[in-house]
């Protein structure tokens, strides 16, 4: 049996991990995030593909791809979290689990970060555990997929 394909989708500025506000987002680079997600996914029997975009339309296309293919998703929408209703509507079309992740805890930060338009259409949200939020999300997906 082939591994379950999973998309790990990252929104704006996540490609700058390691250099962007390391006091908030940690010192792991984006390449380190990709390595961590693919390694943990493989351990869980998943073929993980990690993507990053600063383009809202591209993120929406990826969510449509996931919906059309019934692909599970781990998504860190970045700033799109707080205002992208188009992205939220694309995520709502999912036919497989979708876990929202955040490296930092949005509720411990500026007030504008306290609202997520994605949470209501996600299977669940994991936040505040640094890069470990992705590992927890992949574990949650694996558990949900194996039922």
C-alpha atoms as a PDB file:
ATOM      1  CA  UNK A   1       0.000   0.000   0.000  1.00  0.00           C
ATOM      2  CA  UNK A   2       1.420   3.386  -0.944  1.00  0.00           C
ATOM      3  CA  UNK A   3       1.809   6.136   1.668  1.00  0.00           C
ATOM      4  CA  UNK A   4      -1.043   8.610   2.173  1.00  0.00           C
ATOM      5  CA  UNK A   5      -0.277  11.837   0.332  1.00  0.00           C
ATOM      6  CA  UNK A   6      -0.541  14.917   2.575  1.00  0.00           C
ATOM      7  CA  UNK A   7      -0.105  18.589   1.686  1.00  0.00           C
ATOM      8  CA  UNK A   8       1.539  20.914   4.205  1.00  0.00           C
ATOM      9  CA  UNK A   9       0.641  24.408   3.023  1.00  0.00           C
ATOM     10  CA  UNK A  10       2.310  27.552   4.330  1.00  0.00           C
ATOM     11  CA  UNK A  11       1.236  31.141   3.780  1.00  0.00           C
ATOM     12  CA  UNK A  12       3.072  34.450   3.640  1.00  0.00           C
ATOM     13  CA  UNK A  13       6.510  34.949   5.151  1.00  0.00           C
ATOM     14  CA  UNK A  14       6.922  31.351   6.293  1.00  0.00           C
ATOM     15  CA  UNK A  15       9.663  30.882   3.718  1.00  0.00           C
ATOM     16  CA  UNK A  16      11.670  33.297   5.879  1.00  0.00           C
ATOM     17  CA  UNK A  17      11.725  31.032   8.923  1.00  0.00           C
ATOM     18  CA  UNK A  18      15.012  31.150  10.762  1.00  0.00           C
ATOM     19  CA  UNK A  19      15.612  34.801   9.907  1.00  0.00           C
ATOM     20  CA  UNK A  20      12.136  36.246  10.553  1.00  0.00           C
ATOM     21  CA  UNK A  21      11.625  37.217  14.197  1.00  0.00           C
ATOM     22  CA  UNK A  22      13.445  34.202  15.681  1.00  0.00           C
ATOM     23  CA  UNK A  23      12.232  35.226  19.149  1.00  0.00           C
ATOM     24  CA  UNK A  24       8.673  34.500  17.937  1.00  0.00           C
ATOM     25  CA  UNK A  25       9.146  31.839  15.243  1.00  0.00           C
ATOM     26  CA  UNK A  26      12.332  30.090  16.387  1.00  0.00           C
ATOM     27  CA  UNK A  27      15.616  29.475  14.636  1.00  0.00           C
ATOM     28  CA  UNK A  28      14.607  26.555  12.407  1.00  0.00           C
ATOM     29  CA  UNK A  29      14.897  27.515   8.742  1.00  0.00           C
ATOM     30  CA  UNK A  30      12.206  26.805   6.155  1.00  0.00           C
ATOM     31  CA  UNK A  31      14.432  24.014   4.808  1.00  0.00           C
ATOM     32  CA  UNK A  32      14.519  22.602   8.356  1.00  0.00           C
ATOM     33  CA  UNK A  33      10.727  22.737   8.515  1.00  0.00           C
ATOM     34  CA  UNK A  34      10.465  20.861   5.210  1.00  0.00           C
ATOM     35  CA  UNK A  35      12.927  18.238   6.452  1.00  0.00           C
ATOM     36  CA  UNK A  36      11.070  17.840   9.765  1.00  0.00           C
ATOM     37  CA  UNK A  37       7.654  17.485   8.116  1.00  0.00           C
ATOM     38  CA  UNK A  38       8.782  14.990   5.473  1.00  0.00           C
ATOM     39  CA  UNK A  39      10.697  12.881   8.031  1.00  0.00           C
ATOM     40  CA  UNK A  40       7.845  12.821  10.579  1.00  0.00           C
ATOM     41  CA  UNK A  41       5.339  12.142   7.828  1.00  0.00           C
ATOM     42  CA  UNK A  42       7.368   9.181   6.548  1.00  0.00           C
ATOM     43  CA  UNK A  43       7.476   7.760  10.082  1.00  0.00           C
ATOM     44  CA  UNK A  44       3.669   7.987  10.117  1.00  0.00           C
ATOM     45  CA  UNK A  45       3.226   6.384   6.684  1.00  0.00           C
ATOM     46  CA  UNK A  46       2.566   9.642   4.871  1.00  0.00           C
ATOM     47  CA  UNK A  47       4.079  11.131   1.732  1.00  0.00           C
ATOM     48  CA  UNK A  48       4.284  14.784   2.798  1.00  0.00           C
ATOM     49  CA  UNK A  49       4.659  17.583   0.280  1.00  0.00           C
ATOM     50  CA  UNK A  50       5.502  20.961   1.842  1.00  0.00           C
ATOM     51  CA  UNK A  51       4.668  24.171  -0.040  1.00  0.00           C
ATOM     52  CA  UNK A  52       4.937  27.896   0.745  1.00  0.00           C
ATOM     53  CA  UNK A  53       3.440  30.917  -0.968  1.00  0.00           C
ATOM     54  CA  UNK A  54       3.026  34.634  -0.459  1.00  0.00           C
ATOM     55  CA  UNK A  55       0.198  34.582  -3.030  1.00  0.00           C
ATOM     56  CA  UNK A  56      -3.369  34.177  -1.787  1.00  0.00           C
ATOM     57  CA  UNK A  57      -4.602  32.937  -5.175  1.00  0.00           C
ATOM     58  CA  UNK A  58      -1.975  30.202  -5.249  1.00  0.00           C
ATOM     59  CA  UNK A  59      -3.007  29.057  -1.761  1.00  0.00           C
ATOM     60  CA  UNK A  60      -6.619  28.876  -2.941  1.00  0.00           C
ATOM     61  CA  UNK A  61      -5.588  26.791  -5.971  1.00  0.00           C
ATOM     62  CA  UNK A  62      -3.714  24.392  -3.665  1.00  0.00           C
ATOM     63  CA  UNK A  63      -6.776  24.051  -1.424  1.00  0.00           C
ATOM     64  CA  UNK A  64      -8.907  23.306  -4.499  1.00  0.00           C
ATOM     65  CA  UNK A  65      -6.348  20.659  -5.513  1.00  0.00           C
ATOM     66  CA  UNK A  66      -6.616  19.117  -2.044  1.00  0.00           C
ATOM     67  CA  UNK A  67     -10.424  19.174  -2.149  1.00  0.00           C
ATOM     68  CA  UNK A  68     -10.563  17.655  -5.642  1.00  0.00           C
ATOM     69  CA  UNK A  69      -8.095  14.921  -4.659  1.00  0.00           C
ATOM     70  CA  UNK A  70      -9.516  14.357  -1.146  1.00  0.00           C
ATOM     71  CA  UNK A  71      -6.024  15.063   0.196  1.00  0.00           C
ATOM     72  CA  UNK A  72      -5.443  15.694   3.903  1.00  0.00           C
ATOM     73  CA  UNK A  73      -3.941  19.119   4.643  1.00  0.00           C
ATOM     74  CA  UNK A  74      -1.884  20.737   7.351  1.00  0.00           C
ATOM     75  CA  UNK A  75      -2.099  24.486   6.818  1.00  0.00           C
ATOM     76  CA  UNK A  76      -0.330  27.428   8.361  1.00  0.00           C
ATOM     77  CA  UNK A  77      -2.132  30.273   6.606  1.00  0.00           C
ATOM     78  CA  UNK A  78       0.150  32.935   8.102  1.00  0.00           C
ATOM     79  CA  UNK A  79      -1.460  36.362   7.868  1.00  0.00           C
ATOM     80  CA  UNK A  80      -4.210  34.936   5.604  1.00  0.00           C
ATOM     81  CA  UNK A  81      -5.565  33.386   8.825  1.00  0.00           C
ATOM     82  CA  UNK A  82      -7.123  36.632   9.927  1.00  0.00           C
ATOM     83  CA  UNK A  83      -8.837  37.957   6.822  1.00  0.00           C
ATOM     84  CA  UNK A  84      -8.868  35.645   3.784  1.00  0.00           C
ATOM     85  CA  UNK A  85     -12.483  34.621   3.407  1.00  0.00           C
ATOM     86  CA  UNK A  86     -11.675  33.313  -0.080  1.00  0.00           C
ATOM     87  CA  UNK A  87      -9.092  30.959   1.430  1.00  0.00           C
ATOM     88  CA  UNK A  88     -11.537  29.989   4.174  1.00  0.00           C
ATOM     89  CA  UNK A  89     -14.182  29.162   1.553  1.00  0.00           C
ATOM     90  CA  UNK A  90     -11.652  27.041  -0.364  1.00  0.00           C
ATOM     91  CA  UNK A  91     -10.710  25.205   2.853  1.00  0.00           C
ATOM     92  CA  UNK A  92     -14.414  24.590   3.571  1.00  0.00           C
ATOM     93  CA  UNK A  93     -14.602  22.484   0.393  1.00  0.00           C
ATOM     94  CA  UNK A  94     -12.272  19.873   1.882  1.00  0.00           C
ATOM     95  CA  UNK A  95     -13.137  16.198   1.656  1.00  0.00           C
ATOM     96  CA  UNK A  96     -10.356  15.048   3.984  1.00  0.00           C
ATOM     97  CA  UNK A  97      -9.053  16.260   7.347  1.00  0.00           C
ATOM     98  CA  UNK A  98      -7.531  19.745   7.491  1.00  0.00           C
ATOM     99  CA  UNK A  99      -5.485  20.836  10.501  1.00  0.00           C
ATOM    100  CA  UNK A 100      -4.660  24.512  11.029  1.00  0.00           C
ATOM    101  CA  UNK A 101      -1.262  25.127  12.623  1.00  0.00           C
ATOM    102  CA  UNK A 102       0.583  28.129  14.000  1.00  0.00           C
ATOM    103  CA  UNK A 103       4.148  28.222  15.246  1.00  0.00           C
ATOM    104  CA  UNK A 104       3.379  30.871  17.850  1.00  0.00           C
ATOM    105  CA  UNK A 105       0.249  31.151  19.969  1.00  0.00           C
ATOM    106  CA  UNK A 106      -1.870  33.797  18.177  1.00  0.00           C
ATOM    107  CA  UNK A 107      -3.914  34.391  21.351  1.00  0.00           C
ATOM    108  CA  UNK A 108      -0.790  35.467  23.230  1.00  0.00           C
ATOM    109  CA  UNK A 109       0.024  38.081  20.585  1.00  0.00           C
ATOM    110  CA  UNK A 110      -1.537  41.207  19.098  1.00  0.00           C
ATOM    111  CA  UNK A 111      -5.320  41.368  19.193  1.00  0.00           C
ATOM    112  CA  UNK A 112      -5.716  41.254  15.394  1.00  0.00           C
ATOM    113  CA  UNK A 113      -4.147  37.766  15.480  1.00  0.00           C
ATOM    114  CA  UNK A 114      -6.820  36.413  17.831  1.00  0.00           C
ATOM    115  CA  UNK A 115      -9.343  35.763  15.041  1.00  0.00           C
ATOM    116  CA  UNK A 116      -8.975  32.910  12.573  1.00  0.00           C
ATOM    117  CA  UNK A 117     -11.375  32.656   9.666  1.00  0.00           C
ATOM    118  CA  UNK A 118     -10.019  29.135   9.020  1.00  0.00           C
ATOM    119  CA  UNK A 119     -10.627  27.515  12.419  1.00  0.00           C
ATOM    120  CA  UNK A 120     -14.357  27.040  11.896  1.00  0.00           C
ATOM    121  CA  UNK A 121     -13.782  24.876   8.803  1.00  0.00           C
ATOM    122  CA  UNK A 122     -10.722  22.983  10.094  1.00  0.00           C
ATOM    123  CA  UNK A 123     -10.760  19.578  11.756  1.00  0.00           C
ATOM    124  CA  UNK A 124      -8.702  21.169  14.521  1.00  0.00           C
ATOM    125  CA  UNK A 125      -6.093  23.805  15.339  1.00  0.00           C
ATOM    126  CA  UNK A 126      -2.669  23.373  16.926  1.00  0.00           C
ATOM    127  CA  UNK A 127      -0.733  26.459  17.971  1.00  0.00           C
ATOM    128  CA  UNK A 128       2.096  27.636  20.145  1.00  0.00           C
ATOM    129  CA  UNK A 129       4.481  24.664  19.997  1.00  0.00           C
ATOM    130  CA  UNK A 130       6.973  26.100  17.523  1.00  0.00           C
ATOM    131  CA  UNK A 131       7.868  23.795  14.658  1.00  0.00           C
ATOM    132  CA  UNK A 132       6.491  21.024  16.876  1.00  0.00           C
ATOM    133  CA  UNK A 133       3.003  22.283  15.972  1.00  0.00           C
ATOM    134  CA  UNK A 134       3.510  20.650  12.560  1.00  0.00           C
ATOM    135  CA  UNK A 135       4.595  17.338  14.119  1.00  0.00           C
ATOM    136  CA  UNK A 136       1.515  17.369  16.354  1.00  0.00           C
ATOM    137  CA  UNK A 137      -0.689  18.160  13.343  1.00  0.00           C
ATOM    138  CA  UNK A 138       0.779  15.275  11.340  1.00  0.00           C
ATOM    139  CA  UNK A 139       0.218  12.928  14.291  1.00  0.00           C
ATOM    140  CA  UNK A 140      -3.394  14.150  14.573  1.00  0.00           C
ATOM    141  CA  UNK A 141      -3.923  13.555  10.840  1.00  0.00           C
ATOM    142  CA  UNK A 142      -2.465  10.051  11.075  1.00  0.00           C
ATOM    143  CA  UNK A 143      -4.799   9.247  13.977  1.00  0.00           C
ATOM    144  CA  UNK A 144      -7.819  10.626  12.175  1.00  0.00           C
ATOM    145  CA  UNK A 145      -6.990   8.800   8.938  1.00  0.00           C
ATOM    146  CA  UNK A 146      -6.527   5.439  10.633  1.00  0.00           C
ATOM    147  CA  UNK A 147      -9.659   6.017  12.675  1.00  0.00           C
END
